[in-house]
Structures are given as structure tokens and as C-alpha cells.
Amino acid sequence: MIIVAPKIQNNDSIVVGIYPHMPPYQYLENGELKGFEIDLINELGQRMDKKIIFVETD
């Protein structure tokens, strides 16, 4: 079950912080984000009709 906070429900996008140095979960390949978690988050965004904005963290 996914519980969505009211603040997320009222926005068109969701900002997700990621650390892209953990293959196979999240990593950079030729400057593009790849991995299981990236695919999963993008799928959730599609199902929620939200744009996903990834922000890389250290």
C-alpha cells in the first residue's frame, strides 16, 4: 500500500534524492540514471501521474 501525503497529492512533480553509486539499484551510465530503484520510482511516478525529478546527493 502506498500512502501519499496531501502535499504530494497537490503537486505535479515529486523530487527524489538519490545516491547514484550503488549498482544495480541506482547508478550512472553514460550520464543517464539507471538501475532497479530508478525504474521503480519512474513506474510509481507514471502510475501516480507525477513527474519525477531526481536530485543527486553525495
N, C-alpha and C. Protein backbone atom coordinates (compact mmCIF):
# COMPACT_ATOMS: atom_id res chain seq x y z
N MET A 1 0.84 -1.17 0.00
CA MET A 1 0.00 0.00 0.00
C MET A 1 0.89 1.24 0.00
N ILE A 2 0.50 2.22 -0.78
CA ILE A 2 1.23 3.48 -0.81
C ILE A 2 0.33 4.54 -0.20
N ILE A 3 0.86 5.22 0.79
CA ILE A 3 0.14 6.33 1.41
C ILE A 3 0.80 7.61 0.93
N VAL A 4 0.02 8.47 0.31
CA VAL A 4 0.55 9.70 -0.28
C VAL A 4 0.15 10.88 0.58
N ALA A 5 1.15 11.65 0.98
CA ALA A 5 0.90 12.84 1.80
C ALA A 5 0.12 13.86 0.98
N PRO A 6 -0.75 14.65 1.63
CA PRO A 6 -1.53 15.66 0.91
C PRO A 6 -0.66 16.63 0.11
N LYS A 7 0.52 16.96 0.61
CA LYS A 7 1.40 17.89 -0.11
C LYS A 7 1.81 17.29 -1.46
N ILE A 8 2.08 16.01 -1.51
CA ILE A 8 2.43 15.35 -2.77
C ILE A 8 1.22 15.30 -3.69
N GLN A 9 0.06 15.03 -3.15
CA GLN A 9 -1.14 14.92 -3.97
C GLN A 9 -1.45 16.23 -4.69
N ASN A 10 -1.07 17.36 -4.12
CA ASN A 10 -1.39 18.66 -4.71
C ASN A 10 -0.31 19.17 -5.65
N ASN A 11 0.77 18.45 -5.85
CA ASN A 11 1.85 18.87 -6.74
C ASN A 11 1.87 17.99 -7.98
N ASP A 12 2.43 18.55 -9.08
CA ASP A 12 2.55 17.80 -10.33
C ASP A 12 3.83 16.99 -10.40
N SER A 13 4.77 17.23 -9.46
CA SER A 13 6.04 16.53 -9.50
C SER A 13 6.47 16.10 -8.11
N ILE A 14 7.38 15.13 -8.08
CA ILE A 14 7.95 14.63 -6.84
C ILE A 14 9.46 14.68 -6.99
N VAL A 15 10.14 15.29 -6.02
CA VAL A 15 11.60 15.37 -6.03
C VAL A 15 12.13 14.21 -5.20
N VAL A 16 13.05 13.44 -5.79
CA VAL A 16 13.61 12.26 -5.14
C VAL A 16 15.13 12.41 -5.07
N GLY A 17 15.69 12.36 -3.87
CA GLY A 17 17.13 12.40 -3.70
C GLY A 17 17.71 11.01 -3.88
N ILE A 18 18.78 10.91 -4.67
CA ILE A 18 19.40 9.61 -4.90
C ILE A 18 20.91 9.72 -4.79
N TYR A 19 21.54 8.60 -4.49
CA TYR A 19 22.99 8.46 -4.46
C TYR A 19 23.35 7.48 -5.57
N PRO A 20 23.74 7.99 -6.76
CA PRO A 20 23.85 7.12 -7.94
C PRO A 20 25.14 6.30 -8.02
N HIS A 21 25.56 5.75 -6.91
CA HIS A 21 26.79 4.96 -6.89
C HIS A 21 26.56 3.61 -6.22
N MET A 22 25.38 3.03 -6.44
CA MET A 22 25.02 1.78 -5.79
C MET A 22 24.42 0.80 -6.81
N PRO A 23 25.23 0.37 -7.80
CA PRO A 23 24.68 -0.59 -8.75
C PRO A 23 24.34 -1.90 -8.05
N PRO A 24 23.34 -2.60 -8.43
CA PRO A 24 22.46 -2.38 -9.57
C PRO A 24 21.23 -1.54 -9.24
N TYR A 25 21.18 -0.99 -8.04
CA TYR A 25 19.99 -0.25 -7.61
C TYR A 25 19.89 1.13 -8.23
N GLN A 26 20.98 1.88 -8.21
CA GLN A 26 20.99 3.22 -8.81
C GLN A 26 22.42 3.57 -9.18
N TYR A 27 22.60 3.95 -10.44
CA TYR A 27 23.94 4.27 -10.93
C TYR A 27 23.83 5.12 -12.19
N LEU A 28 24.95 5.72 -12.58
CA LEU A 28 25.01 6.50 -13.82
C LEU A 28 25.66 5.66 -14.91
N GLU A 29 25.06 5.71 -16.10
CA GLU A 29 25.62 5.04 -17.27
C GLU A 29 25.56 6.03 -18.42
N ASN A 30 26.73 6.47 -18.86
CA ASN A 30 26.81 7.49 -19.92
C ASN A 30 26.01 8.73 -19.56
N GLY A 31 26.07 9.13 -18.29
CA GLY A 31 25.39 10.33 -17.82
C GLY A 31 23.90 10.17 -17.56
N GLU A 32 23.37 8.97 -17.74
CA GLU A 32 21.95 8.71 -17.54
C GLU A 32 21.74 7.83 -16.32
N LEU A 33 20.73 8.17 -15.51
CA LEU A 33 20.43 7.37 -14.33
C LEU A 33 19.83 6.04 -14.74
N LYS A 34 20.33 4.97 -14.14
CA LYS A 34 19.87 3.62 -14.42
C LYS A 34 19.73 2.86 -13.11
N GLY A 35 19.07 1.71 -13.17
CA GLY A 35 19.01 0.82 -12.04
C GLY A 35 17.60 0.48 -11.61
N PHE A 36 17.52 -0.54 -10.75
CA PHE A 36 16.24 -1.04 -10.27
C PHE A 36 15.41 0.04 -9.59
N GLU A 37 16.03 0.79 -8.66
CA GLU A 37 15.28 1.80 -7.92
C GLU A 37 14.82 2.94 -8.84
N ILE A 38 15.64 3.30 -9.81
CA ILE A 38 15.26 4.35 -10.77
C ILE A 38 14.04 3.90 -11.56
N ASP A 39 14.07 2.65 -12.05
CA ASP A 39 12.93 2.10 -12.79
C ASP A 39 11.68 2.06 -11.92
N LEU A 40 11.84 1.62 -10.68
CA LEU A 40 10.71 1.52 -9.76
C LEU A 40 10.09 2.89 -9.48
N ILE A 41 10.93 3.87 -9.19
CA ILE A 41 10.43 5.21 -8.89
C ILE A 41 9.76 5.82 -10.12
N ASN A 42 10.34 5.62 -11.30
CA ASN A 42 9.71 6.13 -12.52
C ASN A 42 8.35 5.48 -12.76
N GLU A 43 8.24 4.18 -12.50
CA GLU A 43 6.96 3.49 -12.66
C GLU A 43 5.92 4.03 -11.68
N LEU A 44 6.33 4.26 -10.44
CA LEU A 44 5.40 4.84 -9.46
C LEU A 44 4.94 6.23 -9.91
N GLY A 45 5.87 7.01 -10.44
CA GLY A 45 5.52 8.34 -10.94
C GLY A 45 4.49 8.27 -12.05
N GLN A 46 4.66 7.32 -12.97
CA GLN A 46 3.69 7.15 -14.05
C GLN A 46 2.32 6.77 -13.50
N ARG A 47 2.31 5.85 -12.57
CA ARG A 47 1.03 5.40 -12.01
C ARG A 47 0.33 6.48 -11.21
N MET A 48 1.12 7.38 -10.62
CA MET A 48 0.56 8.48 -9.83
C MET A 48 0.32 9.73 -10.69
N ASP A 49 0.70 9.65 -11.98
CA ASP A 49 0.60 10.78 -12.90
C ASP A 49 1.38 11.99 -12.39
N LYS A 50 2.62 11.71 -11.94
CA LYS A 50 3.51 12.75 -11.42
C LYS A 50 4.83 12.71 -12.18
N LYS A 51 5.43 13.87 -12.36
CA LYS A 51 6.77 13.95 -12.94
C LYS A 51 7.77 13.70 -11.83
N ILE A 52 8.74 12.84 -12.08
CA ILE A 52 9.78 12.54 -11.09
C ILE A 52 11.00 13.38 -11.41
N ILE A 53 11.51 14.08 -10.41
CA ILE A 53 12.73 14.88 -10.54
C ILE A 53 13.76 14.26 -9.62
N PHE A 54 14.82 13.71 -10.21
CA PHE A 54 15.89 13.11 -9.42
C PHE A 54 16.95 14.16 -9.10
N VAL A 55 17.38 14.19 -7.85
CA VAL A 55 18.45 15.08 -7.40
C VAL A 55 19.55 14.21 -6.82
N GLU A 56 20.74 14.31 -7.40
CA GLU A 56 21.86 13.51 -6.93
C GLU A 56 22.40 14.06 -5.62
N THR A 57 22.71 13.15 -4.70
CA THR A 57 23.29 13.52 -3.41
C THR A 57 24.66 12.88 -3.28
N ASP A 58 25.43 13.34 -2.32
CA ASP A 58 26.76 12.77 -2.05
C ASP A 58 26.72 11.83 -0.89
